[in-house]
Amino acid sequence: IEKGPVAGVAISSAGMVDPDKGEIFYAGPQIPNYAGTQFKKEIEESFNIPCEIENDVNCAGLAEAVSGSGKGASITLCLTIGTGIGGCLIIDGQVFHGFSNSACEVGYMHMQDGA
């Protein structure tokens, strides 16, 4: 790999991410004090380079849709089980974030008692 100037930073992170604001808006108890972390702002102000941040499961799903088992499909669903349960939906090569940037966050679904 040839050395050259850094063009930008891409961050794949656990927790619920607002990619437009570039911050974590919710994280489970496994990562205390993580919500509110503003990666995009800190990186861009500190290093004067562009920064993008996305949820780790969304990144995994996008990779599968672009070059993995979902390649060529118009819709790809990715589910992961790790420190939590995560999911993402890729439609026509784009992450479907949903109304509140929490589409397919199945590990944080609220269920009625007895459901």
PDB file of N, CA and C in Angstrom:
ATOM      1  N   ILE A   1       0.854  -1.178   0.000  1.00  0.00           N
ATOM      2  CA  ILE A   1       0.000   0.000   0.000  1.00  0.00           C
ATOM      3  C   ILE A   1       0.895   1.235   0.000  1.00  0.00           C
ATOM      4  N   GLU A   2       0.597   2.112  -0.903  1.00  0.00           N
ATOM      5  CA  GLU A   2       1.374   3.334  -1.038  1.00  0.00           C
ATOM      6  C   GLU A   2       0.922   4.369  -0.008  1.00  0.00           C
ATOM      7  N   LYS A   3       1.888   5.038   0.616  1.00  0.00           N
ATOM      8  CA  LYS A   3       1.562   6.086   1.579  1.00  0.00           C
ATOM      9  C   LYS A   3       1.069   7.320   0.846  1.00  0.00           C
ATOM     10  N   GLY A   4       0.119   8.003   1.459  1.00  0.00           N
ATOM     11  CA  GLY A   4      -0.420   9.228   0.883  1.00  0.00           C
ATOM     12  C   GLY A   4      -1.229   9.960   1.924  1.00  0.00           C
ATOM     13  N   PRO A   5      -1.788  11.079   1.555  1.00  0.00           N
ATOM     14  CA  PRO A   5      -2.583  11.837   2.528  1.00  0.00           C
ATOM     15  C   PRO A   5      -3.872  11.088   2.884  1.00  0.00           C
ATOM     16  N   VAL A   6      -4.296  11.246   4.111  1.00  0.00           N
ATOM     17  CA  VAL A   6      -5.543  10.626   4.570  1.00  0.00           C
ATOM     18  C   VAL A   6      -6.707  11.418   3.983  1.00  0.00           C
ATOM     19  N   ALA A   7      -7.593  10.722   3.279  1.00  0.00           N
ATOM     20  CA  ALA A   7      -8.725  11.375   2.626  1.00  0.00           C
ATOM     21  C   ALA A   7      -9.907  11.554   3.567  1.00  0.00           C
ATOM     22  N   GLY A   8     -10.013  10.694   4.579  1.00  0.00           N
ATOM     23  CA  GLY A   8     -11.131  10.765   5.504  1.00  0.00           C
ATOM     24  C   GLY A   8     -11.105   9.590   6.458  1.00  0.00           C
ATOM     25  N   VAL A   9     -12.052   9.588   7.370  1.00  0.00           N
ATOM     26  CA  VAL A   9     -12.155   8.537   8.381  1.00  0.00           C
ATOM     27  C   VAL A   9     -13.564   7.960   8.331  1.00  0.00           C
ATOM     28  N   ALA A  10     -13.666   6.636   8.364  1.00  0.00           N
ATOM     29  CA  ALA A  10     -14.952   5.948   8.453  1.00  0.00           C
ATOM     30  C   ALA A  10     -14.942   5.121   9.728  1.00  0.00           C
ATOM     31  N   ILE A  11     -15.984   5.279  10.541  1.00  0.00           N
ATOM     32  CA  ILE A  11     -16.068   4.584  11.823  1.00  0.00           C
ATOM     33  C   ILE A  11     -17.294   3.684  11.827  1.00  0.00           C
ATOM     34  N   SER A  12     -17.092   2.434  12.209  1.00  0.00           N
ATOM     35  CA  SER A  12     -18.159   1.465  12.399  1.00  0.00           C
ATOM     36  C   SER A  12     -18.270   1.238  13.899  1.00  0.00           C
ATOM     37  N   SER A  13     -19.424   1.551  14.483  1.00  0.00           N
ATOM     38  CA  SER A  13     -19.536   1.545  15.940  1.00  0.00           C
ATOM     39  C   SER A  13     -20.748   0.775  16.438  1.00  0.00           C
ATOM     40  N   ALA A  14     -20.575   0.179  17.599  1.00  0.00           N
ATOM     41  CA  ALA A  14     -21.713  -0.413  18.304  1.00  0.00           C
ATOM     42  C   ALA A  14     -22.625   0.717  18.774  1.00  0.00           C
ATOM     43  N   GLY A  15     -23.827   0.360  19.156  1.00  0.00           N
ATOM     44  CA  GLY A  15     -24.780   1.353  19.651  1.00  0.00           C
ATOM     45  C   GLY A  15     -25.646   1.895  18.532  1.00  0.00           C
ATOM     46  N   MET A  16     -26.622   2.696  18.906  1.00  0.00           N
ATOM     47  CA  MET A  16     -27.493   3.327  17.918  1.00  0.00           C
ATOM     48  C   MET A  16     -26.832   4.624  17.480  1.00  0.00           C
ATOM     49  N   VAL A  17     -26.670   4.756  16.173  1.00  0.00           N
ATOM     50  CA  VAL A  17     -25.898   5.854  15.590  1.00  0.00           C
ATOM     51  C   VAL A  17     -26.807   6.751  14.758  1.00  0.00           C
ATOM     52  N   ASP A  18     -26.627   8.056  14.901  1.00  0.00           N
ATOM     53  CA  ASP A  18     -27.248   9.013  13.989  1.00  0.00           C
ATOM     54  C   ASP A  18     -26.167   9.394  12.985  1.00  0.00           C
ATOM     55  N   PRO A  19     -26.177   8.800  11.782  1.00  0.00           N
ATOM     56  CA  PRO A  19     -25.090   9.055  10.838  1.00  0.00           C
ATOM     57  C   PRO A  19     -25.056  10.498  10.335  1.00  0.00           C
ATOM     58  N   ASP A  20     -26.196  11.175  10.318  1.00  0.00           N
ATOM     59  CA  ASP A  20     -26.214  12.567   9.862  1.00  0.00           C
ATOM     60  C   ASP A  20     -25.528  13.484  10.873  1.00  0.00           C
ATOM     61  N   LYS A  21     -25.832  13.295  12.145  1.00  0.00           N
ATOM     62  CA  LYS A  21     -25.191  14.090  13.195  1.00  0.00           C
ATOM     63  C   LYS A  21     -23.800  13.564  13.526  1.00  0.00           C
ATOM     64  N   GLY A  22     -23.566  12.287  13.225  1.00  0.00           N
ATOM     65  CA  GLY A  22     -22.261  11.691  13.507  1.00  0.00           C
ATOM     66  C   GLY A  22     -22.049  11.379  14.967  1.00  0.00           C
ATOM     67  N   GLU A  23     -23.118  10.974  15.630  1.00  0.00           N
ATOM     68  CA  GLU A  23     -22.988  10.689  17.057  1.00  0.00           C
ATOM     69  C   GLU A  23     -23.774   9.458  17.479  1.00  0.00           C
ATOM     70  N   ILE A  24     -23.394   8.933  18.629  1.00  0.00           N
ATOM     71  CA  ILE A  24     -24.080   7.796  19.236  1.00  0.00           C
ATOM     72  C   ILE A  24     -25.247   8.353  20.045  1.00  0.00           C
ATOM     73  N   PHE A  25     -26.476   7.897  19.770  1.00  0.00           N
ATOM     74  CA  PHE A  25     -27.588   8.415  20.556  1.00  0.00           C
ATOM     75  C   PHE A  25     -28.119   7.407  21.566  1.00  0.00           C
ATOM     76  N   TYR A  26     -27.678   6.158  21.479  1.00  0.00           N
ATOM     77  CA  TYR A  26     -28.028   5.179  22.511  1.00  0.00           C
ATOM     78  C   TYR A  26     -27.007   4.055  22.479  1.00  0.00           C
ATOM     79  N   ALA A  27     -26.640   3.601  23.658  1.00  0.00           N
ATOM     80  CA  ALA A  27     -25.780   2.420  23.774  1.00  0.00           C
ATOM     81  C   ALA A  27     -26.248   1.630  24.983  1.00  0.00           C
ATOM     82  N   GLY A  28     -26.180   0.328  24.881  1.00  0.00           N
ATOM     83  CA  GLY A  28     -26.591  -0.539  25.982  1.00  0.00           C
ATOM     84  C   GLY A  28     -25.659  -0.407  27.174  1.00  0.00           C
ATOM     85  N   PRO A  29     -26.000  -1.088  28.243  1.00  0.00           N
ATOM     86  CA  PRO A  29     -25.209  -0.995  29.476  1.00  0.00           C
ATOM     87  C   PRO A  29     -23.795  -1.561  29.351  1.00  0.00           C
ATOM     88  N   GLN A  30     -23.522  -2.306  28.271  1.00  0.00           N
ATOM     89  CA  GLN A  30     -22.174  -2.844  28.071  1.00  0.00           C
ATOM     90  C   GLN A  30     -21.157  -1.731  27.801  1.00  0.00           C
ATOM     91  N   ILE A  31     -21.632  -0.568  27.352  1.00  0.00           N
ATOM     92  CA  ILE A  31     -20.742   0.560  27.042  1.00  0.00           C
ATOM     93  C   ILE A  31     -21.250   1.791  27.801  1.00  0.00           C
ATOM     94  N   PRO A  32     -20.949   1.880  29.088  1.00  0.00           N
ATOM     95  CA  PRO A  32     -21.455   3.019  29.869  1.00  0.00           C
ATOM     96  C   PRO A  32     -20.882   4.354  29.373  1.00  0.00           C
ATOM     97  N   ASN A  33     -21.701   5.395  29.458  1.00  0.00           N
ATOM     98  CA  ASN A  33     -21.315   6.771  29.092  1.00  0.00           C
ATOM     99  C   ASN A  33     -20.949   6.938  27.616  1.00  0.00           C
ATOM    100  N   TYR A  34     -21.434   6.065  26.763  1.00  0.00           N
ATOM    101  CA  TYR A  34     -21.109   6.123  25.334  1.00  0.00           C
ATOM    102  C   TYR A  34     -22.094   6.997  24.560  1.00  0.00           C
ATOM    103  N   ALA A  35     -23.368   6.994  24.988  1.00  0.00           N
ATOM    104  CA  ALA A  35     -24.381   7.812  24.317  1.00  0.00           C
ATOM    105  C   ALA A  35     -23.966   9.278  24.392  1.00  0.00           C
ATOM    106  N   GLY A  36     -24.127   9.970  23.286  1.00  0.00           N
ATOM    107  CA  GLY A  36     -23.741  11.374  23.208  1.00  0.00           C
ATOM    108  C   GLY A  36     -22.354  11.598  22.636  1.00  0.00           C
ATOM    109  N   THR A  37     -21.595  10.527  22.440  1.00  0.00           N
ATOM    110  CA  THR A  37     -20.259  10.663  21.858  1.00  0.00           C
ATOM    111  C   THR A  37     -20.396  11.201  20.432  1.00  0.00           C
ATOM    112  N   GLN A  38     -19.674  12.260  20.125  1.00  0.00           N
ATOM    113  CA  GLN A  38     -19.777  12.940  18.832  1.00  0.00           C
ATOM    114  C   GLN A  38     -18.506  12.720  18.010  1.00  0.00           C
ATOM    115  N   PHE A  39     -18.366  11.518  17.470  1.00  0.00           N
ATOM    116  CA  PHE A  39     -17.171  11.165  16.709  1.00  0.00           C
ATOM    117  C   PHE A  39     -16.931  12.091  15.522  1.00  0.00           C
ATOM    118  N   LYS A  40     -17.959  12.303  14.706  1.00  0.00           N
ATOM    119  CA  LYS A  40     -17.814  13.095  13.480  1.00  0.00           C
ATOM    120  C   LYS A  40     -17.267  14.484  13.796  1.00  0.00           C
ATOM    121  N   LYS A  41     -17.880  15.161  14.732  1.00  0.00           N
ATOM    122  CA  LYS A  41     -17.464  16.518  15.103  1.00  0.00           C
ATOM    123  C   LYS A  41     -16.021  16.534  15.608  1.00  0.00           C
ATOM    124  N   GLU A  42     -15.690  15.611  16.496  1.00  0.00           N
ATOM    125  CA  GLU A  42     -14.346  15.578  17.086  1.00  0.00           C
ATOM    126  C   GLU A  42     -13.264  15.306  16.035  1.00  0.00           C
ATOM    127  N   ILE A  43     -13.500  14.333  15.171  1.00  0.00           N
ATOM    128  CA  ILE A  43     -12.512  13.987  14.139  1.00  0.00           C
ATOM    129  C   ILE A  43     -12.356  15.133  13.142  1.00  0.00           C
ATOM    130  N   GLU A  44     -13.486  15.658  12.658  1.00  0.00           N
ATOM    131  CA  GLU A  44     -13.409  16.716  11.650  1.00  0.00           C
ATOM    132  C   GLU A  44     -12.757  17.980  12.193  1.00  0.00           C
ATOM    133  N   GLU A  45     -13.074  18.346  13.437  1.00  0.00           N
ATOM    134  CA  GLU A  45     -12.472  19.543  14.025  1.00  0.00           C
ATOM    135  C   GLU A  45     -11.006  19.329  14.384  1.00  0.00           C
ATOM    136  N   SER A  46     -10.662  18.144  14.848  1.00  0.00           N
ATOM    137  CA  SER A  46      -9.282  17.877  15.274  1.00  0.00           C
ATOM    138  C   SER A  46      -8.318  17.689  14.106  1.00  0.00           C
ATOM    139  N   PHE A  47      -8.782  17.043  13.035  1.00  0.00           N
ATOM    140  CA  PHE A  47      -7.876  16.684  11.947  1.00  0.00           C
ATOM    141  C   PHE A  47      -8.197  17.351  10.608  1.00  0.00           C
ATOM    142  N   ASN A  48      -9.294  18.099  10.554  1.00  0.00           N
ATOM    143  CA  ASN A  48      -9.692  18.810   9.341  1.00  0.00           C
ATOM    144  C   ASN A  48      -9.826  17.871   8.133  1.00  0.00           C
ATOM    145  N   ILE A  49     -10.432  16.703   8.379  1.00  0.00           N
ATOM    146  CA  ILE A  49     -10.730  15.744   7.313  1.00  0.00           C
ATOM    147  C   ILE A  49     -12.162  15.250   7.512  1.00  0.00           C
ATOM    148  N   PRO A  50     -12.823  14.819   6.448  1.00  0.00           N
ATOM    149  CA  PRO A  50     -14.194  14.326   6.594  1.00  0.00           C
ATOM    150  C   PRO A  50     -14.258  13.026   7.395  1.00  0.00           C
ATOM    151  N   CYS A  51     -15.350  12.864   8.102  1.00  0.00           N
ATOM    152  CA  CYS A  51     -15.562  11.664   8.914  1.00  0.00           C
ATOM    153  C   CYS A  51     -17.004  11.215   8.772  1.00  0.00           C
ATOM    154  N   GLU A  52     -17.200   9.932   8.637  1.00  0.00           N
ATOM    155  CA  GLU A  52     -18.531   9.325   8.609  1.00  0.00           C
ATOM    156  C   GLU A  52     -18.572   8.245   9.674  1.00  0.00           C
ATOM    157  N   ILE A  53     -19.728   8.091  10.303  1.00  0.00           N
ATOM    158  CA  ILE A  53     -19.911   7.040  11.306  1.00  0.00           C
ATOM    159  C   ILE A  53     -21.216   6.325  11.019  1.00  0.00           C
ATOM    160  N   GLU A  54     -21.203   5.013  11.219  1.00  0.00           N
ATOM    161  CA  GLU A  54     -22.387   4.188  10.974  1.00  0.00           C
ATOM    162  C   GLU A  54     -22.398   3.063  11.997  1.00  0.00           C
ATOM    163  N   ASN A  55     -23.561   2.542  12.263  1.00  0.00           N
ATOM    164  CA  ASN A  55     -23.721   1.397  13.154  1.00  0.00           C
ATOM    165  C   ASN A  55     -22.967   0.192  12.594  1.00  0.00           C
ATOM    166  N   ASP A  56     -22.354  -0.587  13.485  1.00  0.00           N
ATOM    167  CA  ASP A  56     -21.529  -1.719  13.044  1.00  0.00           C
ATOM    168  C   ASP A  56     -22.318  -2.775  12.280  1.00  0.00           C
ATOM    169  N   VAL A  57     -23.540  -3.045  12.686  1.00  0.00           N
ATOM    170  CA  VAL A  57     -24.341  -4.049  11.973  1.00  0.00           C
ATOM    171  C   VAL A  57     -24.759  -3.516  10.601  1.00  0.00           C
ATOM    172  N   ASN A  58     -25.052  -2.226  10.515  1.00  0.00           N
ATOM    173  CA  ASN A  58     -25.359  -1.637   9.210  1.00  0.00           C
ATOM    174  C   ASN A  58     -24.162  -1.767   8.274  1.00  0.00           C
ATOM    175  N   CYS A  59     -22.964  -1.574   8.805  1.00  0.00           N
ATOM    176  CA  CYS A  59     -21.751  -1.728   7.986  1.00  0.00           C
ATOM    177  C   CYS A  59     -21.584  -3.172   7.530  1.00  0.00           C
ATOM    178  N   ALA A  60     -21.821  -4.116   8.423  1.00  0.00           N
ATOM    179  CA  ALA A  60     -21.714  -5.534   8.061  1.00  0.00           C
ATOM    180  C   ALA A  60     -22.742  -5.886   6.989  1.00  0.00           C
ATOM    181  N   GLY A  61     -23.963  -5.415   7.158  1.00  0.00           N
ATOM    182  CA  GLY A  61     -25.013  -5.682   6.177  1.00  0.00           C
ATOM    183  C   GLY A  61     -24.717  -5.059   4.826  1.00  0.00           C
ATOM    184  N   LEU A  62     -24.182  -3.848   4.847  1.00  0.00           N
ATOM    185  CA  LEU A  62     -23.828  -3.184   3.595  1.00  0.00           C
ATOM    186  C   LEU A  62     -22.715  -3.948   2.877  1.00  0.00           C
ATOM    187  N   ALA A  63     -21.740  -4.432   3.635  1.00  0.00           N
ATOM    188  CA  ALA A  63     -20.656  -5.228   3.039  1.00  0.00           C
ATOM    189  C   ALA A  63     -21.204  -6.508   2.410  1.00  0.00           C
ATOM    190  N   GLU A  64     -22.130  -7.178   3.095  1.00  0.00           N
ATOM    191  CA  GLU A  64     -22.740  -8.394   2.533  1.00  0.00           C
ATOM    192  C   GLU A  64     -23.526  -8.073   1.265  1.00  0.00           C
ATOM    193  N   ALA A  65     -24.242  -6.938   1.271  1.00  0.00           N
ATOM    194  CA  ALA A  65     -25.054  -6.568   0.109  1.00  0.00           C
ATOM    195  C   ALA A  65     -24.196  -6.196  -1.091  1.00  0.00           C
ATOM    196  N   VAL A  66     -23.062  -5.571  -0.835  1.00  0.00           N
ATOM    197  CA  VAL A  66     -22.211  -5.099  -1.926  1.00  0.00           C
ATOM    198  C   VAL A  66     -21.291  -6.191  -2.456  1.00  0.00           C
ATOM    199  N   SER A  67     -20.694  -6.981  -1.550  1.00  0.00           N
ATOM    200  CA  SER A  67     -19.697  -7.943  -2.032  1.00  0.00           C
ATOM    201  C   SER A  67     -19.804  -9.325  -1.404  1.00  0.00           C
ATOM    202  N   GLY A  68     -20.844  -9.578  -0.640  1.00  0.00           N
ATOM    203  CA  GLY A  68     -20.985 -10.875   0.013  1.00  0.00           C
ATOM    204  C   GLY A  68     -22.162 -11.660  -0.508  1.00  0.00           C
ATOM    205  N   SER A  69     -22.814 -12.378   0.388  1.00  0.00           N
ATOM    206  CA  SER A  69     -23.898 -13.276  -0.011  1.00  0.00           C
ATOM    207  C   SER A  69     -25.130 -12.549  -0.535  1.00  0.00           C
ATOM    208  N   GLY A  70     -25.246 -11.256  -0.284  1.00  0.00           N
ATOM    209  CA  GLY A  70     -26.383 -10.496  -0.792  1.00  0.00           C
ATOM    210  C   GLY A  70     -26.115  -9.790  -2.107  1.00  0.00           C
ATOM    211  N   LYS A  71     -24.918  -9.983  -2.657  1.00  0.00           N
ATOM    212  CA  LYS A  71     -24.544  -9.294  -3.896  1.00  0.00           C
ATOM    213  C   LYS A  71     -25.542  -9.627  -5.004  1.00  0.00           C
ATOM    214  N   GLY A  72     -26.065  -8.598  -5.638  1.00  0.00           N
ATOM    215  CA  GLY A  72     -27.018  -8.783  -6.724  1.00  0.00           C
ATOM    216  C   GLY A  72     -28.470  -8.764  -6.279  1.00  0.00           C
ATOM    217  N   ALA A  73     -28.717  -8.858  -4.975  1.00  0.00           N
ATOM    218  CA  ALA A  73     -30.096  -8.824  -4.469  1.00  0.00           C
ATOM    219  C   ALA A  73     -30.530  -7.373  -4.266  1.00  0.00           C
ATOM    220  N   SER A  74     -31.801  -7.092  -4.480  1.00  0.00           N
ATOM    221  CA  SER A  74     -32.278  -5.720  -4.269  1.00  0.00           C
ATOM    222  C   SER A  74     -32.562  -5.439  -2.798  1.00  0.00           C
ATOM    223  N   ILE A  75     -32.817  -6.485  -2.019  1.00  0.00           N
ATOM    224  CA  ILE A  75     -33.062  -6.330  -0.581  1.00  0.00           C
ATOM    225  C   ILE A  75     -32.224  -7.355   0.167  1.00  0.00           C
ATOM    226  N   THR A  76     -31.506  -6.892   1.178  1.00  0.00           N
ATOM    227  CA  THR A  76     -30.683  -7.774   2.006  1.00  0.00           C
ATOM    228  C   THR A  76     -30.991  -7.500   3.466  1.00  0.00           C
ATOM    229  N   LEU A  77     -31.207  -8.556   4.238  1.00  0.00           N
ATOM    230  CA  LEU A  77     -31.409  -8.447   5.679  1.00  0.00           C
ATOM    231  C   LEU A  77     -30.210  -9.084   6.363  1.00  0.00           C
ATOM    232  N   CYS A  78     -29.643  -8.392   7.324  1.00  0.00           N
ATOM    233  CA  CYS A  78     -28.501  -8.912   8.077  1.00  0.00           C
ATOM    234  C   CYS A  78     -28.854  -8.891   9.559  1.00  0.00           C
ATOM    235  N   LEU A  79     -28.703 -10.017  10.225  1.00  0.00           N
ATOM    236  CA  LEU A  79     -28.914 -10.109  11.669  1.00  0.00           C
ATOM    237  C   LEU A  79     -27.622 -10.573  12.311  1.00  0.00           C
ATOM    238  N   THR A  80     -27.263  -9.977  13.442  1.00  0.00           N
ATOM    239  CA  THR A  80     -26.058 -10.378  14.164  1.00  0.00           C
ATOM    240  C   THR A  80     -26.390 -10.631  15.622  1.00  0.00           C
ATOM    241  N   ILE A  81     -25.660 -11.551  16.208  1.00  0.00           N
ATOM    242  CA  ILE A  81     -25.767 -11.817  17.642  1.00  0.00           C
ATOM    243  C   ILE A  81     -24.360 -11.731  18.201  1.00  0.00           C
ATOM    244  N   GLY A  82     -24.159 -10.832  19.138  1.00  0.00           N
ATOM    245  CA  GLY A  82     -22.853 -10.630  19.774  1.00  0.00           C
ATOM    246  C   GLY A  82     -23.088 -10.153  21.193  1.00  0.00           C
ATOM    247  N   THR A  83     -22.624  -8.946  21.492  1.00  0.00           N
ATOM    248  CA  THR A  83     -22.917  -8.373  22.810  1.00  0.00           C
ATOM    249  C   THR A  83     -24.385  -7.989  22.900  1.00  0.00           C
ATOM    250  N   GLY A  84     -25.045  -7.935  21.762  1.00  0.00           N
ATOM    251  CA  GLY A  84     -26.477  -7.671  21.680  1.00  0.00           C
ATOM    252  C   GLY A  84     -27.004  -8.342  20.428  1.00  0.00           C
ATOM    253  N   ILE A  85     -28.246  -8.027  20.078  1.00  0.00           N
ATOM    254  CA  ILE A  85     -28.846  -8.545  18.855  1.00  0.00           C
ATOM    255  C   ILE A  85     -29.076  -7.351  17.944  1.00  0.00           C
ATOM    256  N   GLY A  86     -28.497  -7.395  16.762  1.00  0.00           N
ATOM    257  CA  GLY A  86     -28.631  -6.275  15.836  1.00  0.00           C
ATOM    258  C   GLY A  86     -29.142  -6.734  14.495  1.00  0.00           C
ATOM    259  N   GLY A  87     -29.667  -5.792  13.763  1.00  0.00           N
ATOM    260  CA  GLY A  87     -30.152  -6.098  12.431  1.00  0.00           C
ATOM    261  C   GLY A  87     -30.090  -4.876  11.541  1.00  0.00           C
ATOM    262  N   CYS A  88     -30.079  -5.119  10.247  1.00  0.00           N
ATOM    263  CA  CYS A  88     -30.161  -4.012   9.298  1.00  0.00           C
ATOM    264  C   CYS A  88     -30.821  -4.501   8.019  1.00  0.00           C
ATOM    265  N   LEU A  89     -31.360  -3.546   7.311  1.00  0.00           N
ATOM    266  CA  LEU A  89     -32.031  -3.810   6.050  1.00  0.00           C
ATOM    267  C   LEU A  89     -31.368  -2.934   4.988  1.00  0.00           C
ATOM    268  N   ILE A  90     -30.920  -3.558   3.913  1.00  0.00           N
ATOM    269  CA  ILE A  90     -30.310  -2.841   2.798  1.00  0.00           C
ATOM    270  C   ILE A  90     -31.272  -2.941   1.620  1.00  0.00           C
ATOM    271  N   ILE A  91     -31.688  -1.799   1.095  1.00  0.00           N
ATOM    272  CA  ILE A  91     -32.605  -1.757  -0.038  1.00  0.00           C
ATOM    273  C   ILE A  91     -31.914  -1.017  -1.179  1.00  0.00           C
ATOM    274  N   ASP A  92     -31.761  -1.705  -2.300  1.00  0.00           N
ATOM    275  CA  ASP A  92     -31.095  -1.128  -3.477  1.00  0.00           C
ATOM    276  C   ASP A  92     -29.748  -0.495  -3.129  1.00  0.00           C
ATOM    277  N   GLY A  93     -28.969  -1.194  -2.313  1.00  0.00           N
ATOM    278  CA  GLY A  93     -27.622  -0.749  -1.983  1.00  0.00           C
ATOM    279  C   GLY A  93     -27.522   0.357  -0.951  1.00  0.00           C
ATOM    280  N   GLN A  94     -28.645   0.711  -0.318  1.00  0.00           N
ATOM    281  CA  GLN A  94     -28.654   1.778   0.683  1.00  0.00           C
ATOM    282  C   GLN A  94     -29.165   1.239   2.017  1.00  0.00           C
ATOM    283  N   VAL A  95     -28.518   1.650   3.108  1.00  0.00           N
ATOM    284  CA  VAL A  95     -28.994   1.268   4.439  1.00  0.00           C
ATOM    285  C   VAL A  95     -30.337   1.947   4.680  1.00  0.00           C
ATOM    286  N   PHE A  96     -31.334   1.154   5.085  1.00  0.00           N
ATOM    287  CA  PHE A  96     -32.632   1.714   5.461  1.00  0.00           C
ATOM    288  C   PHE A  96     -32.560   2.063   6.942  1.00  0.00           C
ATOM    289  N   HIS A  97     -32.495   3.360   7.250  1.00  0.00           N
ATOM    290  CA  HIS A  97     -32.360   3.808   8.637  1.00  0.00           C
ATOM    291  C   HIS A  97     -33.704   3.933   9.349  1.00  0.00           C
ATOM    292  N   GLY A  98     -34.767   4.098   8.585  1.00  0.00           N
ATOM    293  CA  GLY A  98     -36.071   4.256   9.198  1.00  0.00           C
ATOM    294  C   GLY A  98     -36.280   5.651   9.755  1.00  0.00           C
ATOM    295  N   PHE A  99     -37.415   5.828  10.362  1.00  0.00           N
ATOM    296  CA  PHE A  99     -37.847   7.127  10.862  1.00  0.00           C
ATOM    297  C   PHE A  99     -36.912   7.706  11.922  1.00  0.00           C
ATOM    298  N   SER A 100     -36.378   6.872  12.788  1.00  0.00           N
ATOM    299  CA  SER A 100     -35.585   7.379  13.919  1.00  0.00           C
ATOM    300  C   SER A 100     -34.174   6.788  13.966  1.00  0.00           C
ATOM    301  N   ASN A 101     -33.640   6.394  12.818  1.00  0.00           N
ATOM    302  CA  ASN A 101     -32.309   5.777  12.747  1.00  0.00           C
ATOM    303  C   ASN A 101     -32.210   4.504  13.579  1.00  0.00           C
ATOM    304  N   SER A 102     -33.319   3.826  13.783  1.00  0.00           N
ATOM    305  CA  SER A 102     -33.285   2.602  14.582  1.00  0.00           C
ATOM    306  C   SER A 102     -33.989   1.431  13.890  1.00  0.00           C
ATOM    307  N   ALA A 103     -34.107   1.497  12.567  1.00  0.00           N
ATOM    308  CA  ALA A 103     -34.731   0.396  11.833  1.00  0.00           C
ATOM    309  C   ALA A 103     -33.954  -0.897  12.076  1.00  0.00           C
ATOM    310  N   CYS A 104     -34.649  -1.969  12.328  1.00  0.00           N
ATOM    311  CA  CYS A 104     -34.089  -3.314  12.528  1.00  0.00           C
ATOM    312  C   CYS A 104     -33.251  -3.461  13.792  1.00  0.00           C
ATOM    313  N   GLU A 105     -33.328  -2.521  14.713  1.00  0.00           N
ATOM    314  CA  GLU A 105     -32.625  -2.673  15.993  1.00  0.00           C
ATOM    315  C   GLU A 105     -33.456  -3.614  16.866  1.00  0.00           C
ATOM    316  N   VAL A 106     -33.466  -4.876  16.488  1.00  0.00           N
ATOM    317  CA  VAL A 106     -34.342  -5.858  17.118  1.00  0.00           C
ATOM    318  C   VAL A 106     -33.989  -6.128  18.577  1.00  0.00           C
ATOM    319  N   GLY A 107     -32.770  -5.875  18.978  1.00  0.00           N
ATOM    320  CA  GLY A 107     -32.371  -6.096  20.367  1.00  0.00           C
ATOM    321  C   GLY A 107     -32.967  -5.085  21.319  1.00  0.00           C
ATOM    322  N   TYR A 108     -33.520  -3.997  20.782  1.00  0.00           N
ATOM    323  CA  TYR A 108     -34.081  -2.941  21.624  1.00  0.00           C
ATOM    324  C   TYR A 108     -35.563  -2.739  21.379  1.00  0.00           C
ATOM    325  N   MET A 109     -36.223  -3.761  20.826  1.00  0.00           N
ATOM    326  CA  MET A 109     -37.656  -3.654  20.579  1.00  0.00           C
ATOM    327  C   MET A 109     -38.411  -3.714  21.896  1.00  0.00           C
ATOM    328  N   HIS A 110     -39.405  -2.855  22.034  1.00  0.00           N
ATOM    329  CA  HIS A 110     -40.258  -2.881  23.219  1.00  0.00           C
ATOM    330  C   HIS A 110     -41.443  -3.798  22.938  1.00  0.00           C
ATOM    331  N   MET A 111     -41.665  -4.731  23.833  1.00  0.00           N
ATOM    332  CA  MET A 111     -42.743  -5.698  23.657  1.00  0.00           C
ATOM    333  C   MET A 111     -43.744  -5.541  24.799  1.00  0.00           C
ATOM    334  N   GLN A 112     -45.013  -5.791  24.510  1.00  0.00           N
ATOM    335  CA  GLN A 112     -46.025  -5.782  25.549  1.00  0.00           C
ATOM    336  C   GLN A 112     -45.855  -7.008  26.421  1.00  0.00           C
ATOM    337  N   ASP A 113     -46.193  -6.883  27.698  1.00  0.00           N
ATOM    338  CA  ASP A 113     -46.167  -8.045  28.580  1.00  0.00           C
ATOM    339  C   ASP A 113     -47.077  -9.124  28.014  1.00  0.00           C
ATOM    340  N   GLY A 114     -46.609 -10.346  28.018  1.00  0.00           N
ATOM    341  CA  GLY A 114     -47.385 -11.467  27.524  1.00  0.00           C
ATOM    342  C   GLY A 114     -47.300 -11.670  26.019  1.00  0.00           C
ATOM    343  N   ALA A 115     -46.573 -10.803  25.336  1.00  0.00           N
ATOM    344  CA  ALA A 115     -46.480 -10.922  23.871  1.00  0.00           C
ATOM    345  C   ALA A 115     -45.515 -12.022  23.493  1.00  0.00           C
TER     346      ALA A 115
END
